[in-house]
Protein backbone atom coordinates (compact mmCIF):
# COMPACT_ATOMS: atom_id res chain seq x y z
CA MET A 1 -5.18 58.99 -43.51
CA VAL A 2 -2.51 56.93 -41.73
CA TYR A 3 -0.64 58.61 -38.90
CA ASP A 4 3.14 58.27 -39.29
CA PRO A 5 4.87 59.39 -36.11
CA PRO A 6 8.23 61.07 -36.46
CA ALA A 7 11.34 58.94 -36.03
CA SER A 8 12.29 60.74 -32.85
CA SER A 9 8.90 59.84 -31.31
CA THR A 10 9.26 56.16 -32.27
CA ALA A 11 12.74 56.00 -30.75
CA ALA A 12 11.45 57.52 -27.54
CA GLN A 13 8.67 54.96 -27.36
CA LEU A 14 11.09 52.08 -27.93
CA ARG A 15 13.39 53.51 -25.29
CA TYR A 16 10.51 53.71 -22.85
CA LEU A 17 9.55 50.12 -23.58
CA ILE A 18 12.97 48.56 -23.03
CA ASP A 19 13.51 50.62 -19.88
CA ALA A 20 10.21 49.31 -18.53
CA VAL A 21 11.35 45.73 -18.96
CA THR A 22 12.85 44.26 -15.78
CA GLU A 23 15.13 41.89 -17.71
CA PHE A 24 18.62 43.04 -18.75
CA ILE A 25 18.74 44.01 -22.43
CA VAL A 26 22.03 44.78 -24.17
CA LEU A 27 22.87 45.16 -27.86
CA LYS A 28 26.50 44.94 -28.98
CA ASP A 29 28.09 45.15 -32.40
CA GLY A 30 30.35 42.56 -33.95
CA GLU A 31 33.38 44.01 -32.19
CA GLY A 32 31.78 43.78 -28.77
CA ARG A 33 31.01 47.48 -28.47
CA TRP A 34 27.90 48.41 -26.50
CA LEU A 35 25.18 49.98 -28.63
CA VAL A 36 22.05 49.83 -26.42
CA ALA A 37 21.41 49.03 -22.77
CA ASN A 38 18.14 49.37 -20.87
CA ARG A 39 17.65 50.97 -17.48
CA ALA A 40 18.04 47.69 -15.53
CA VAL A 41 21.54 47.23 -17.02
CA ILE A 42 22.55 50.85 -16.53
CA ASP A 43 21.58 50.75 -12.86
CA THR A 44 23.25 47.40 -12.15
CA TYR A 45 26.51 48.23 -13.93
CA GLU A 46 26.46 51.80 -12.58
CA LEU A 47 26.61 53.35 -16.07
CA GLU A 48 24.53 56.42 -15.29
CA GLY A 49 26.47 59.51 -16.41
CA LEU A 50 28.99 57.44 -18.33
CA ASP A 51 29.02 57.64 -22.12
CA TYR A 52 29.13 53.86 -22.53
CA ILE A 53 27.94 53.75 -26.16
CA GLY A 54 30.74 52.38 -28.35
CA MET A 55 32.77 51.00 -25.44
CA THR A 56 33.74 47.33 -24.98
CA ASP A 57 33.38 45.46 -21.71
CA MET A 58 37.04 45.84 -20.81
CA GLU A 59 36.91 49.57 -21.56
CA LEU A 60 33.91 49.88 -19.25
CA ALA A 61 35.77 47.85 -16.61
CA ALA A 62 38.43 50.54 -16.50
CA PHE A 63 35.75 52.96 -15.23
CA ARG A 64 34.13 50.42 -12.90
CA PRO A 65 37.05 48.27 -11.66
CA HIS A 66 35.03 46.73 -8.83
CA LEU A 67 32.84 45.09 -11.54
CA ILE A 68 35.74 43.76 -13.60
CA ASP A 69 34.85 40.11 -12.93
CA ALA A 70 31.37 40.64 -14.35
CA PHE A 71 32.74 42.36 -17.47
CA ARG A 72 35.28 39.59 -18.00
CA TYR A 73 32.53 36.98 -17.70
CA ASN A 74 30.47 38.91 -20.26
CA LEU A 75 33.36 38.93 -22.70
CA LYS A 76 34.02 35.22 -22.23
CA THR A 77 30.42 34.17 -22.79
CA ASP A 78 30.04 36.57 -25.74
CA GLU A 79 32.78 34.61 -27.51
CA GLN A 80 31.00 31.36 -26.66
CA ALA A 81 27.79 32.67 -28.28
CA TRP A 82 29.65 33.82 -31.42
CA ALA A 83 31.30 30.39 -31.66
CA HIS A 84 27.98 28.66 -31.11
CA GLY A 85 26.49 30.55 -34.06
CA LYS A 86 22.99 30.68 -32.65
CA ALA A 87 21.10 31.52 -29.47
CA LEU A 88 23.05 30.31 -26.44
CA THR A 89 21.56 30.06 -22.94
CA ILE A 90 23.92 30.39 -20.00
CA TYR A 91 23.51 30.93 -16.31
CA LYS A 92 25.52 33.18 -14.06
CA SER A 93 25.39 34.07 -10.38
CA PHE A 94 26.75 37.02 -8.49
CA GLU A 95 26.01 38.83 -5.26
CA LEU A 96 23.63 41.75 -5.47
CA ASP A 97 22.39 43.71 -2.45
CA GLY A 98 23.85 41.11 -0.12
CA ARG A 99 22.05 38.22 -1.83
CA LEU A 100 23.39 35.71 -4.34
CA ASN A 101 21.44 36.31 -7.56
CA THR A 102 21.14 33.89 -10.46
CA TRP A 103 20.55 35.02 -14.01
CA GLU A 104 19.44 33.16 -17.10
CA VAL A 105 21.17 34.80 -20.05
CA VAL A 106 20.24 34.24 -23.69
CA LYS A 107 22.83 35.56 -26.18
CA THR A 108 21.70 35.60 -29.80
CA PRO A 109 24.32 36.44 -32.47
CA SER A 110 23.55 37.63 -35.99
CA PHE A 111 25.86 37.65 -38.99
CA THR A 112 26.17 39.54 -42.29
CA THR A 113 25.47 37.82 -45.57
CA GLN A 114 29.22 37.31 -45.88
CA GLY A 115 29.27 35.53 -42.50
CA ALA A 116 30.95 38.32 -40.55
CA ARG A 117 29.86 39.16 -37.03
CA HIS A 118 27.08 41.73 -37.07
CA GLN A 119 25.31 42.18 -33.74
CA LEU A 120 24.79 40.34 -30.43
CA VAL A 121 21.48 40.64 -28.57
CA ILE A 122 21.71 39.80 -24.88
CA VAL A 123 18.63 39.29 -22.69
CA SER A 124 19.17 38.38 -19.04
CA ARG A 125 16.42 37.36 -16.65
CA ASN A 126 16.80 37.27 -12.87
CA ILE A 127 15.63 33.79 -11.87
CA THR A 128 16.84 33.88 -8.28
CA ASP A 129 13.37 33.31 -6.79
CA ARG A 130 12.74 30.42 -9.17
CA VAL A 131 16.12 28.85 -8.47
CA GLU A 132 15.65 29.14 -4.72
CA ALA A 133 12.18 27.59 -5.01
CA GLU A 134 13.58 24.76 -7.14
CA GLN A 135 16.41 24.22 -4.69
CA GLU A 136 13.96 24.13 -1.79
CA LEU A 137 11.77 21.68 -3.70
CA ALA A 138 14.78 19.55 -4.61
CA LEU A 139 15.85 19.53 -0.97
CA LYS A 140 12.39 18.41 0.08
CA GLU A 141 12.35 15.75 -2.63
CA GLN A 142 15.78 14.59 -1.50
CA LYS A 143 14.57 14.32 2.09
CA TYR A 144 11.40 12.48 1.10
CA ARG A 145 13.36 10.18 -1.21
CA LEU A 146 15.89 9.55 1.55
CA ILE A 147 13.04 8.62 3.86
CA ALA A 148 11.33 6.45 1.24
CA GLU A 149 14.53 4.67 0.30
CA ASN A 150 15.55 3.90 3.88
CA MET A 151 12.23 3.09 5.55
CA SER A 152 11.14 -0.50 6.02
CA ASP A 153 7.62 0.18 4.71
CA ILE A 154 7.09 -0.27 0.99
CA VAL A 155 6.12 3.03 -0.68
CA GLY A 156 4.77 3.17 -4.21
CA THR A 157 2.45 4.75 -6.75
CA ARG A 158 0.25 3.09 -9.31
CA ARG A 159 -2.18 4.08 -12.01
CA LEU A 160 -5.88 3.28 -11.72
CA ASP A 161 -5.42 0.33 -14.08
CA GLY A 162 -2.97 -1.19 -11.60
CA THR A 163 0.26 -0.30 -13.42
CA ILE A 164 3.06 0.42 -10.96
CA THR A 165 4.89 3.72 -11.57
CA TYR A 166 7.17 3.78 -8.50
CA LEU A 167 8.37 1.40 -5.81
CA SER A 168 10.78 2.18 -2.99
CA PRO A 169 13.90 0.02 -2.54
CA SER A 170 12.26 -1.54 0.53
CA PHE A 171 10.16 -3.53 -1.97
CA GLU A 172 13.24 -5.63 -2.70
CA HIS A 173 14.25 -5.83 0.95
CA GLN A 174 10.81 -6.90 2.14
CA LEU A 175 9.79 -9.28 -0.65
CA GLY A 176 13.07 -10.29 -2.22
CA LEU A 177 11.70 -9.37 -5.67
CA ALA A 178 13.48 -7.21 -8.26
CA LEU A 179 12.09 -3.69 -8.72
CA SER A 180 12.74 -3.78 -12.46
CA GLU A 181 10.30 -6.67 -12.88
CA TYR A 182 7.33 -4.66 -11.55
CA ILE A 183 7.84 -1.01 -12.57
CA ASP A 184 5.42 -0.18 -15.44
CA ARG A 185 3.74 -3.55 -14.88
CA GLN A 186 0.79 -4.94 -12.98
CA ILE A 187 1.44 -5.92 -9.39
CA GLY A 188 -1.61 -8.15 -9.01
CA SER A 189 0.51 -11.26 -9.51
CA ILE A 190 2.06 -10.91 -6.06
CA ILE A 191 -1.25 -10.30 -4.23
CA HIS A 192 -2.91 -13.36 -2.74
CA PRO A 193 -5.80 -14.42 -5.03
CA GLU A 194 -8.28 -14.23 -2.14
CA ASP A 195 -7.38 -10.56 -1.55
CA VAL A 196 -7.39 -9.24 -5.15
CA ARG A 197 -11.16 -8.88 -5.54
CA ARG A 198 -11.52 -7.08 -2.21
CA LEU A 199 -8.89 -4.52 -3.24
CA GLN A 200 -10.52 -4.01 -6.64
CA ARG A 201 -13.89 -3.19 -5.07
CA ASP A 202 -12.43 0.04 -3.72
CA LEU A 203 -11.84 1.33 -7.27
CA ILE A 204 -15.41 1.22 -8.57
CA LEU A 205 -16.35 4.87 -7.86
CA PRO A 206 -14.91 7.84 -9.84
CA PRO A 207 -11.48 8.94 -8.50
CA GLU A 208 -12.69 12.24 -7.05
CA ASN A 209 -15.34 10.43 -4.97
CA ARG A 210 -13.20 7.57 -3.72
CA GLU A 211 -12.20 7.13 -0.12
CA LEU A 212 -9.72 4.30 0.14
CA PRO A 213 -9.77 2.74 3.59
CA THR A 214 -6.74 1.15 5.17
CA THR A 215 -6.89 -2.55 4.46
CA ARG A 216 -4.87 -5.74 4.64
CA CYS A 217 -3.63 -8.17 2.06
CA ARG A 218 -1.08 -10.90 1.63
CA LEU A 219 1.91 -10.31 -0.65
CA ARG A 220 3.98 -13.08 -2.18
CA LEU A 221 7.66 -13.26 -1.32
CA ALA A 222 10.36 -14.51 -3.67
CA SER A 223 10.28 -17.79 -1.72
CA GLY A 224 6.65 -18.30 -2.77
CA THR A 225 5.24 -17.82 0.73
CA TYR A 226 2.88 -14.98 1.66
CA ARG A 227 3.13 -12.33 4.39
CA TRP A 228 0.43 -10.04 5.71
CA PHE A 229 0.79 -6.31 5.01
CA GLU A 230 -1.32 -3.34 6.06
CA ILE A 231 -2.07 -1.15 3.04
CA SER A 232 -2.66 2.60 3.38
CA ARG A 233 -3.79 4.29 0.16
CA SER A 234 -4.75 7.74 -1.05
CA MET A 235 -6.09 8.92 -4.40
CA THR A 236 -3.83 11.76 -5.58
CA TRP A 237 -3.96 14.08 -8.58
CA PHE A 238 -0.55 14.56 -10.24
CA ASP A 239 -0.40 17.91 -12.04
CA ASP A 240 2.70 17.09 -14.07
CA ILE A 241 1.08 14.07 -15.75
CA GLU A 242 -2.54 15.27 -15.34
CA GLU A 243 -3.95 12.05 -13.97
CA TYR A 244 -5.05 10.40 -10.75
CA GLN A 245 -2.77 7.82 -9.22
CA ILE A 246 -2.87 5.85 -5.99
CA VAL A 247 -0.10 6.49 -3.50
CA PHE A 248 0.27 3.53 -1.17
CA THR A 249 2.38 2.25 1.71
CA CYS A 250 2.66 -1.39 2.75
CA ARG A 251 3.64 -2.20 6.33
CA ASP A 252 4.61 -5.72 7.38
CA ILE A 253 2.09 -6.87 10.01
CA GLN A 254 2.82 -10.59 9.91
CA GLU A 255 3.67 -10.75 13.61
CA ARG A 256 0.56 -8.72 14.50
CA VAL A 257 -1.67 -11.04 12.46
CA GLN A 258 -0.08 -14.11 14.02
CA TYR A 259 -0.69 -12.61 17.47
CA GLU A 260 -4.32 -11.89 16.57
CA GLN A 261 -4.67 -15.44 15.30
CA ARG A 262 -3.29 -16.74 18.57
CA LEU A 263 -5.81 -14.63 20.47
CA HIS A 264 -8.56 -15.95 18.20
CA ARG A 265 -7.46 -19.50 18.89
CA LEU A 266 -7.52 -18.83 22.61
CA ALA A 267 -11.02 -17.39 22.31
CA TYR A 268 -12.54 -19.85 19.82
CA GLU A 269 -10.43 -23.04 19.95
CA ASP A 270 -10.13 -25.67 22.59
CA ALA A 271 -6.65 -25.36 24.10
CA LEU A 272 -6.18 -29.14 24.47
CA THR A 273 -7.50 -30.56 21.19
CA GLY A 274 -7.25 -27.56 18.85
CA ILE A 275 -10.82 -27.98 17.61
CA PRO A 276 -13.55 -25.30 18.08
CA ASN A 277 -14.73 -24.65 21.62
CA ARG A 278 -18.21 -23.94 22.96
CA ARG A 279 -18.06 -20.25 21.95
CA GLN A 280 -17.24 -20.99 18.33
CA LEU A 281 -19.84 -23.77 18.25
CA LEU A 282 -22.57 -21.36 19.38
CA ASP A 283 -21.52 -18.84 16.70
CA ASP A 284 -21.61 -21.57 14.05
CA LEU A 285 -25.02 -22.83 15.16
CA GLY A 286 -26.34 -19.26 15.25
CA ARG A 287 -25.31 -18.72 11.62
CA ARG A 288 -26.86 -21.99 10.52
CA VAL A 289 -30.17 -21.14 12.22
CA GLN A 290 -30.22 -17.63 10.68
CA GLN A 291 -29.61 -19.17 7.25
CA GLU A 292 -32.54 -21.52 7.92
CA SER A 293 -30.31 -24.51 7.30
CA ALA A 294 -31.42 -28.03 8.14
CA PHE A 295 -28.81 -29.84 10.22
CA ALA A 296 -28.35 -32.42 12.95
CA LEU A 297 -26.65 -31.88 16.28
CA LEU A 298 -24.83 -34.86 17.80
CA TYR A 299 -24.03 -34.65 21.52
CA LEU A 300 -21.54 -37.30 22.69
CA ASP A 301 -19.07 -38.22 25.40
CA ILE A 302 -16.79 -41.11 26.39
CA ASP A 303 -18.45 -43.79 28.46
CA HIS A 304 -16.77 -44.25 31.86
CA PHE A 305 -14.18 -41.57 31.06
CA LYS A 306 -13.79 -40.66 34.74
CA ASN A 307 -12.62 -44.18 35.55
CA ILE A 308 -9.90 -43.99 32.87
CA ASN A 309 -8.81 -40.54 34.04
CA ASP A 310 -8.66 -41.59 37.70
CA ARG A 311 -6.91 -44.91 37.08
CA HIS A 312 -4.35 -43.89 34.45
CA GLY A 313 -3.86 -40.19 35.17
CA HIS A 314 -4.68 -36.94 33.47
CA ASP A 315 -1.97 -37.32 30.83
CA ILE A 316 -3.66 -40.43 29.47
CA GLY A 317 -7.02 -38.74 29.81
CA ASP A 318 -5.84 -35.72 27.82
CA ALA A 319 -4.25 -37.97 25.19
CA LEU A 320 -7.54 -39.86 24.82
CA LEU A 321 -9.53 -36.66 24.41
CA THR A 322 -7.10 -35.42 21.76
CA ALA A 323 -7.20 -38.74 19.89
CA LEU A 324 -10.99 -38.75 19.98
CA ALA A 325 -11.12 -35.21 18.57
CA ASN A 326 -8.80 -36.27 15.75
CA ARG A 327 -10.89 -39.35 14.96
CA LEU A 328 -14.10 -37.32 14.89
CA THR A 329 -12.46 -34.80 12.55
CA GLU A 330 -11.38 -37.60 10.21
CA HIS A 331 -14.98 -38.73 9.84
CA LEU A 332 -16.44 -35.31 9.04
CA ASN A 333 -17.91 -34.49 5.66
CA ILE A 334 -17.86 -31.10 3.92
CA GLY A 335 -20.00 -28.69 5.92
CA ASP A 336 -19.73 -30.65 9.16
CA THR A 337 -18.02 -29.33 12.30
CA VAL A 338 -16.92 -30.74 15.64
CA ALA A 339 -16.39 -28.90 18.93
CA ARG A 340 -15.36 -29.78 22.47
CA ILE A 341 -17.68 -28.04 24.92
CA GLY A 342 -16.13 -29.23 28.17
CA GLY A 343 -14.63 -32.28 29.88
CA ASP A 344 -15.19 -35.29 27.63
CA GLU A 345 -18.28 -33.76 25.99
CA PHE A 346 -18.20 -33.12 22.24
CA VAL A 347 -20.74 -31.82 19.74
CA VAL A 348 -20.73 -32.74 16.07
CA VAL A 349 -22.84 -30.70 13.63
CA ILE A 350 -23.96 -32.71 10.59
CA ALA A 351 -24.98 -30.67 7.55
CA ASP A 352 -26.84 -33.59 5.93
CA ALA A 353 -29.75 -33.82 8.35
CA ASP A 354 -31.56 -36.52 6.32
CA HIS A 355 -28.73 -39.01 6.88
CA ALA A 356 -27.67 -37.81 10.29
CA LEU A 357 -28.66 -40.98 12.19
CA ALA A 358 -26.71 -43.19 9.78
CA HIS A 359 -23.69 -40.91 10.18
CA ALA A 360 -24.07 -41.01 13.96
CA GLU A 361 -24.11 -44.83 13.88
CA ARG A 362 -20.88 -44.85 11.85
CA LEU A 363 -19.25 -42.46 14.31
CA CYS A 364 -20.41 -44.56 17.24
CA HIS A 365 -18.83 -47.63 15.66
CA ALA A 366 -15.60 -45.78 14.79
CA LEU A 367 -15.20 -44.63 18.38
CA GLN A 368 -15.21 -48.23 19.57
CA ALA A 369 -11.92 -48.96 17.79
CA PRO A 370 -8.89 -49.37 20.13
CA TRP A 371 -6.83 -46.36 21.22
CA HIS A 372 -3.02 -46.63 21.16
CA LEU A 373 -1.82 -44.19 23.80
CA GLU A 374 1.71 -44.05 25.20
CA ASN A 375 2.49 -47.71 24.40
CA GLN A 376 -0.81 -48.84 25.87
CA ILE A 377 -4.07 -49.98 24.27
CA PHE A 378 -7.41 -48.72 25.56
CA HIS A 379 -10.94 -49.75 24.63
CA THR A 380 -13.82 -47.32 25.08
CA THR A 381 -17.30 -46.66 23.77
CA SER A 382 -19.19 -43.42 23.26
CA SER A 383 -22.86 -42.60 23.60
CA ILE A 384 -24.44 -40.18 21.14
CA GLY A 385 -27.62 -38.11 21.39
CA VAL A 386 -29.13 -36.55 18.26
CA ALA A 387 -31.39 -33.49 17.82
CA LEU A 388 -32.59 -32.14 14.48
CA CYS A 389 -33.09 -28.59 13.25
CA PRO A 390 -35.74 -27.51 12.41
CA ALA A 391 -37.66 -30.72 13.19
CA ASP A 392 -36.99 -30.62 16.95
CA SER A 393 -36.30 -26.91 17.41
CA ARG A 394 -34.90 -23.78 15.76
CA ARG A 395 -33.36 -22.44 18.96
CA VAL A 396 -29.67 -23.14 19.53
CA HIS A 397 -29.71 -23.67 23.27
CA THR A 398 -32.88 -25.75 23.01
CA LEU A 399 -31.23 -27.99 20.43
CA LEU A 400 -28.22 -28.50 22.74
CA ASN A 401 -30.53 -29.40 25.65
CA LEU A 402 -32.55 -31.80 23.51
CA ALA A 403 -29.42 -33.52 22.21
CA ASP A 404 -28.14 -33.77 25.80
CA GLN A 405 -31.42 -35.40 26.82
CA ALA A 406 -31.06 -37.85 23.95
CA LEU A 407 -27.50 -38.62 25.12
CA PHE A 408 -28.84 -39.33 28.61
CA ASN A 409 -31.36 -41.74 27.09
CA ALA A 410 -28.58 -43.46 25.11
CA LYS A 411 -26.72 -44.10 28.37
CA ARG A 412 -29.88 -45.48 29.97
CA GLN A 413 -30.18 -47.86 27.04
CA GLY A 414 -26.78 -49.38 27.85
CA ARG A 415 -24.19 -46.91 26.47
CA GLY A 416 -22.18 -47.22 23.26
CA CYS A 417 -25.27 -46.47 21.14
CA VAL A 418 -27.14 -43.68 19.35
CA CYS A 419 -30.42 -42.17 20.49
CA ALA A 420 -32.38 -39.46 18.65
CA TYR A 421 -34.44 -37.02 20.67
CA SER A 422 -37.43 -37.56 18.43
CA ASP A 423 -37.30 -41.32 19.09
CA SER A 424 -36.91 -40.94 22.86
CA ARG A 425 -39.83 -38.53 22.91
CA ARG A 426 -42.11 -41.15 21.34
CA THR A 427 -41.19 -43.91 23.81
């Protein structure tokens, strides 16, 4: 047996339901007369005790004149909904309890089969909290965008495949490149080829396990030159698109890098000649020994350099040292290095140990060619001592001492010649 509640009971239940709803619910007929209003409407429009059923908005306004503006707005937007012919969403704001409230109102008209106005269902939702939250978010976004668009650092986002999704205007200011050419495209083309692989290594692990360290790379400018930038990155989950993206900032550190390079030159390069100094030579020799490389170490100086320096002055002496460093550099092969370790003493490291003596002889001959310095011509010779690794020793300082001993023997043999430590040891 199916229970069929009486009509009066069903009406009471429906009344209870609409009164429990916090949204405004109003039903009007085709003439704009109020037929149903829930408790939220009755309380807001102060209709308690007033027989509002069958009244229009303007008739109700006569009883509540202080709400006339709200009734007039209702009437105006009702007509807009009827003209629209289907559900119309509008927004209205008014002060309630000392606070400006915003309402989202959906007015849905219905018509008879002949097309005449039948009824208008009005549902209004208070969206004040949502609007205030959106306004606060928009204000924050505006502030962040203002910062991003006016800061000198480049700010951007990119997908894990490298596709750029956002770039701040500073991209154009810093690099001179058009934003439109890189949004939704790969940015790898402006990264220096030597830096691309290092940046890609950071993206091997799954996104949730990645820690992206601050790094450096060179970015290409519109002029074709490169500048150093410091890159800060963070892996971020974007809820709206449901994917991980990398948020990054690029700060121009060209001046910092140039300063660091100057410090490096001061620490590892000879100030006069620009070639490696003793410190860099020792580092280089240390690496070669650790790699168990076979190489030759040539220790040389300029015969009678003190006489030239004393007779012609330090400017000529410095010019001679610089010219000698340049000539040595010109005669180096791939893998060879030259360093000035003090005064007129130089060390040449020859990677091809098997032909080191022949190379030393060629250098000795090349250093006998005239020097054209400040409109003068000078003739000098150089003595060269040779030590071999690993044949003579595997210890760096021992090799230097052995090559120095061989140089001393070359001078005893008359200068301007080559002497290997292994040969001097046998004599």
